[in-house]
Amino acid sequence: MKRQIEIFTAGCPVCEPVVQLVKDTACENCEITVYNLSEPCESKICVKKMGEYGVKRLPAIAVNGELIGCCTNDGITKEDLIKAGIGSS
């Protein structure tokens, strides 16, 4: 079963290392979508999902439709990603 990973970013020097960390940690069962909110998508799906997930700061990561715990506080670590199931088959 594919793991749906959505990354919300501002496309800035703070966000880009997190995007790369997710990509480096992900496995073949991970499907990654990056929403660069500095260039909002025409369909507005990125803004809709941001509201549904309660994204309050960037970068933020949702896995299988849920904002992961590290994105509701101060930082994202590889351990948080692995705990959320990113990188496991």
N, C-alpha and C. Protein backbone atom coordinates (compact mmCIF):
# COMPACT_ATOMS: atom_id res chain seq x y z
N MET A 1 0.84 -1.18 0.00
CA MET A 1 0.00 0.00 0.00
C MET A 1 0.88 1.25 0.00
N LYS A 2 0.58 2.17 -0.88
CA LYS A 2 1.34 3.41 -0.98
C LYS A 2 1.07 4.30 0.23
N ARG A 3 2.11 4.97 0.67
CA ARG A 3 2.00 5.95 1.74
C ARG A 3 1.97 7.33 1.08
N GLN A 4 0.91 8.08 1.28
CA GLN A 4 0.75 9.40 0.68
C GLN A 4 1.40 10.45 1.57
N ILE A 5 2.41 11.11 1.05
CA ILE A 5 3.12 12.14 1.81
C ILE A 5 2.90 13.47 1.10
N GLU A 6 2.41 14.45 1.85
CA GLU A 6 2.20 15.79 1.30
C GLU A 6 3.07 16.76 2.10
N ILE A 7 3.88 17.51 1.36
CA ILE A 7 4.77 18.48 1.99
C ILE A 7 4.29 19.87 1.61
N PHE A 8 4.07 20.70 2.62
CA PHE A 8 3.68 22.09 2.41
C PHE A 8 4.93 22.93 2.66
N THR A 9 5.31 23.74 1.68
CA THR A 9 6.54 24.49 1.75
C THR A 9 6.33 25.91 1.24
N ALA A 10 7.26 26.79 1.59
CA ALA A 10 7.26 28.15 1.06
C ALA A 10 8.32 28.28 -0.02
N GLY A 11 8.99 27.16 -0.34
CA GLY A 11 10.03 27.20 -1.35
C GLY A 11 11.24 28.02 -0.94
N CYS A 12 11.47 28.08 0.35
CA CYS A 12 12.54 28.93 0.89
C CYS A 12 13.71 28.09 1.40
N PRO A 13 14.82 28.74 1.78
CA PRO A 13 15.98 28.00 2.28
C PRO A 13 15.73 27.24 3.58
N VAL A 14 14.69 27.58 4.31
CA VAL A 14 14.33 26.83 5.52
C VAL A 14 13.58 25.56 5.14
N CYS A 15 12.71 25.64 4.16
CA CYS A 15 11.87 24.51 3.77
C CYS A 15 12.58 23.49 2.90
N GLU A 16 13.43 23.93 2.02
CA GLU A 16 14.03 23.02 1.04
C GLU A 16 14.82 21.87 1.68
N PRO A 17 15.60 22.09 2.76
CA PRO A 17 16.26 20.94 3.38
C PRO A 17 15.28 19.90 3.94
N VAL A 18 14.11 20.34 4.39
CA VAL A 18 13.10 19.41 4.89
C VAL A 18 12.52 18.60 3.74
N VAL A 19 12.26 19.25 2.61
CA VAL A 19 11.78 18.53 1.43
C VAL A 19 12.80 17.46 1.05
N GLN A 20 14.07 17.83 1.04
CA GLN A 20 15.11 16.87 0.68
C GLN A 20 15.21 15.74 1.70
N LEU A 21 15.05 16.06 2.99
CA LEU A 21 15.09 15.05 4.04
C LEU A 21 13.98 14.02 3.84
N VAL A 22 12.79 14.49 3.52
CA VAL A 22 11.67 13.57 3.28
C VAL A 22 11.99 12.69 2.07
N LYS A 23 12.47 13.29 0.99
CA LYS A 23 12.79 12.53 -0.22
C LYS A 23 13.88 11.50 0.06
N ASP A 24 14.89 11.88 0.84
CA ASP A 24 15.98 10.96 1.17
C ASP A 24 15.53 9.82 2.08
N THR A 25 14.51 10.08 2.92
CA THR A 25 14.03 9.10 3.88
C THR A 25 12.97 8.18 3.28
N ALA A 26 12.26 8.65 2.28
CA ALA A 26 11.14 7.92 1.68
C ALA A 26 11.60 6.61 1.02
N CYS A 27 10.66 5.68 0.92
CA CYS A 27 10.92 4.39 0.26
C CYS A 27 10.07 4.30 -1.00
N GLU A 28 10.15 3.16 -1.67
CA GLU A 28 9.40 2.98 -2.92
C GLU A 28 7.90 2.95 -2.69
N ASN A 29 7.45 2.77 -1.46
CA ASN A 29 6.02 2.79 -1.15
C ASN A 29 5.51 4.17 -0.76
N CYS A 30 6.36 5.16 -0.88
CA CYS A 30 5.99 6.53 -0.53
C CYS A 30 5.73 7.34 -1.80
N GLU A 31 4.59 7.98 -1.85
CA GLU A 31 4.25 8.87 -2.95
C GLU A 31 4.25 10.28 -2.40
N ILE A 32 5.15 11.13 -2.91
CA ILE A 32 5.36 12.46 -2.35
C ILE A 32 4.75 13.52 -3.26
N THR A 33 3.98 14.42 -2.65
CA THR A 33 3.46 15.60 -3.33
C THR A 33 3.97 16.82 -2.58
N VAL A 34 4.56 17.76 -3.31
CA VAL A 34 5.07 18.98 -2.69
C VAL A 34 4.17 20.13 -3.13
N TYR A 35 3.63 20.84 -2.14
CA TYR A 35 2.83 22.03 -2.39
C TYR A 35 3.68 23.25 -2.02
N ASN A 36 4.16 23.97 -3.02
CA ASN A 36 4.93 25.18 -2.79
C ASN A 36 3.93 26.33 -2.69
N LEU A 37 3.66 26.77 -1.50
CA LEU A 37 2.61 27.77 -1.27
C LEU A 37 3.02 29.17 -1.69
N SER A 38 4.29 29.36 -2.07
CA SER A 38 4.68 30.66 -2.62
C SER A 38 4.21 30.77 -4.07
N GLU A 39 3.79 29.65 -4.65
CA GLU A 39 3.22 29.59 -6.00
C GLU A 39 1.94 28.76 -5.93
N PRO A 40 0.88 29.29 -5.33
CA PRO A 40 -0.33 28.51 -5.09
C PRO A 40 -0.83 27.81 -6.36
N CYS A 41 -1.32 26.59 -6.18
CA CYS A 41 -1.81 25.79 -7.29
C CYS A 41 -3.10 26.39 -7.84
N GLU A 42 -3.28 26.24 -9.14
CA GLU A 42 -4.47 26.80 -9.79
C GLU A 42 -5.76 26.21 -9.26
N SER A 43 -5.74 24.92 -8.92
CA SER A 43 -6.96 24.26 -8.46
C SER A 43 -7.32 24.63 -7.02
N LYS A 44 -6.39 25.27 -6.32
CA LYS A 44 -6.57 25.67 -4.90
C LYS A 44 -6.60 24.47 -3.96
N ILE A 45 -6.27 23.26 -4.46
CA ILE A 45 -6.27 22.07 -3.60
C ILE A 45 -5.25 22.23 -2.48
N CYS A 46 -4.13 22.89 -2.77
CA CYS A 46 -3.10 23.05 -1.75
C CYS A 46 -3.63 23.89 -0.58
N VAL A 47 -4.36 24.94 -0.87
CA VAL A 47 -4.92 25.80 0.18
C VAL A 47 -6.02 25.05 0.94
N LYS A 48 -6.83 24.29 0.22
CA LYS A 48 -7.90 23.51 0.85
C LYS A 48 -7.32 22.49 1.83
N LYS A 49 -6.29 21.74 1.36
CA LYS A 49 -5.67 20.73 2.21
C LYS A 49 -4.98 21.36 3.40
N MET A 50 -4.33 22.49 3.18
CA MET A 50 -3.67 23.20 4.27
C MET A 50 -4.68 23.51 5.39
N GLY A 51 -5.86 23.95 5.01
CA GLY A 51 -6.91 24.24 5.98
C GLY A 51 -7.43 22.99 6.66
N GLU A 52 -7.65 21.93 5.88
CA GLU A 52 -8.15 20.66 6.44
C GLU A 52 -7.18 20.08 7.47
N TYR A 53 -5.89 20.16 7.19
CA TYR A 53 -4.89 19.59 8.08
C TYR A 53 -4.53 20.51 9.24
N GLY A 54 -4.94 21.76 9.17
CA GLY A 54 -4.61 22.70 10.24
C GLY A 54 -3.17 23.18 10.20
N VAL A 55 -2.60 23.30 9.01
CA VAL A 55 -1.23 23.77 8.87
C VAL A 55 -1.16 25.22 9.34
N LYS A 56 -0.28 25.46 10.31
CA LYS A 56 -0.11 26.81 10.87
C LYS A 56 1.28 27.37 10.62
N ARG A 57 2.22 26.49 10.23
CA ARG A 57 3.59 26.93 9.96
C ARG A 57 4.19 26.03 8.90
N LEU A 58 5.19 26.55 8.25
CA LEU A 58 5.85 25.81 7.18
C LEU A 58 7.32 25.60 7.53
N PRO A 59 7.92 24.52 7.09
CA PRO A 59 7.32 23.45 6.32
C PRO A 59 6.43 22.57 7.20
N ALA A 60 5.53 21.87 6.56
CA ALA A 60 4.64 20.93 7.26
C ALA A 60 4.47 19.69 6.39
N ILE A 61 4.26 18.55 7.06
CA ILE A 61 4.15 17.28 6.35
C ILE A 61 2.92 16.54 6.85
N ALA A 62 2.14 16.05 5.90
CA ALA A 62 1.00 15.18 6.20
C ALA A 62 1.29 13.80 5.62
N VAL A 63 0.99 12.77 6.38
CA VAL A 63 1.15 11.40 5.93
C VAL A 63 -0.22 10.72 5.99
N ASN A 64 -0.64 10.21 4.86
CA ASN A 64 -1.94 9.55 4.75
C ASN A 64 -3.07 10.42 5.30
N GLY A 65 -3.02 11.70 4.98
CA GLY A 65 -4.11 12.61 5.34
C GLY A 65 -4.07 13.20 6.73
N GLU A 66 -2.97 12.98 7.48
CA GLU A 66 -2.86 13.54 8.82
C GLU A 66 -1.55 14.28 8.98
N LEU A 67 -1.63 15.48 9.54
CA LEU A 67 -0.44 16.25 9.84
C LEU A 67 0.36 15.49 10.90
N ILE A 68 1.65 15.27 10.65
CA ILE A 68 2.43 14.50 11.62
C ILE A 68 2.80 15.39 12.81
N GLY A 69 3.00 14.75 13.96
CA GLY A 69 3.19 15.44 15.23
C GLY A 69 4.25 16.51 15.23
N CYS A 70 5.36 16.27 14.56
CA CYS A 70 6.44 17.26 14.58
C CYS A 70 6.03 18.55 13.89
N CYS A 71 5.00 18.50 13.07
CA CYS A 71 4.58 19.70 12.33
C CYS A 71 3.57 20.53 13.11
N THR A 72 3.19 20.05 14.27
CA THR A 72 2.29 20.83 15.11
C THR A 72 3.07 21.51 16.23
N ASN A 73 4.40 21.25 16.26
CA ASN A 73 5.23 21.93 17.27
C ASN A 73 6.40 22.61 16.59
N ASP A 74 7.63 22.43 17.07
CA ASP A 74 8.74 23.25 16.60
C ASP A 74 9.64 22.70 15.52
N GLY A 75 9.68 21.42 15.26
CA GLY A 75 10.65 20.97 14.28
C GLY A 75 10.39 19.59 13.72
N ILE A 76 11.05 19.30 12.63
CA ILE A 76 10.92 18.03 11.94
C ILE A 76 12.25 17.31 12.01
N THR A 77 12.21 16.06 12.46
CA THR A 77 13.43 15.27 12.53
C THR A 77 13.25 13.98 11.73
N LYS A 78 14.34 13.33 11.41
CA LYS A 78 14.26 12.06 10.71
C LYS A 78 13.53 11.03 11.57
N GLU A 79 13.74 11.08 12.88
CA GLU A 79 13.06 10.15 13.78
C GLU A 79 11.54 10.32 13.71
N ASP A 80 11.08 11.57 13.63
CA ASP A 80 9.65 11.83 13.49
C ASP A 80 9.12 11.25 12.19
N LEU A 81 9.89 11.40 11.10
CA LEU A 81 9.47 10.86 9.81
C LEU A 81 9.36 9.34 9.86
N ILE A 82 10.37 8.70 10.45
CA ILE A 82 10.37 7.24 10.54
C ILE A 82 9.22 6.76 11.42
N LYS A 83 8.98 7.46 12.54
CA LYS A 83 7.86 7.12 13.42
C LYS A 83 6.52 7.21 12.70
N ALA A 84 6.43 8.14 11.73
CA ALA A 84 5.20 8.30 10.96
C ALA A 84 5.07 7.29 9.83
N GLY A 85 6.12 6.45 9.68
CA GLY A 85 6.05 5.39 8.69
C GLY A 85 6.78 5.70 7.39
N ILE A 86 7.39 6.86 7.27
CA ILE A 86 8.12 7.19 6.04
C ILE A 86 9.41 6.38 6.01
N GLY A 87 9.65 5.73 4.89
CA GLY A 87 10.88 4.97 4.72
C GLY A 87 10.75 3.48 5.01
N SER A 88 9.61 3.05 5.52
CA SER A 88 9.43 1.62 5.78
C SER A 88 8.56 1.02 4.68
N SER A 89 8.90 -0.18 4.30
CA SER A 89 8.15 -0.84 3.21
C SER A 89 6.82 -1.36 3.69
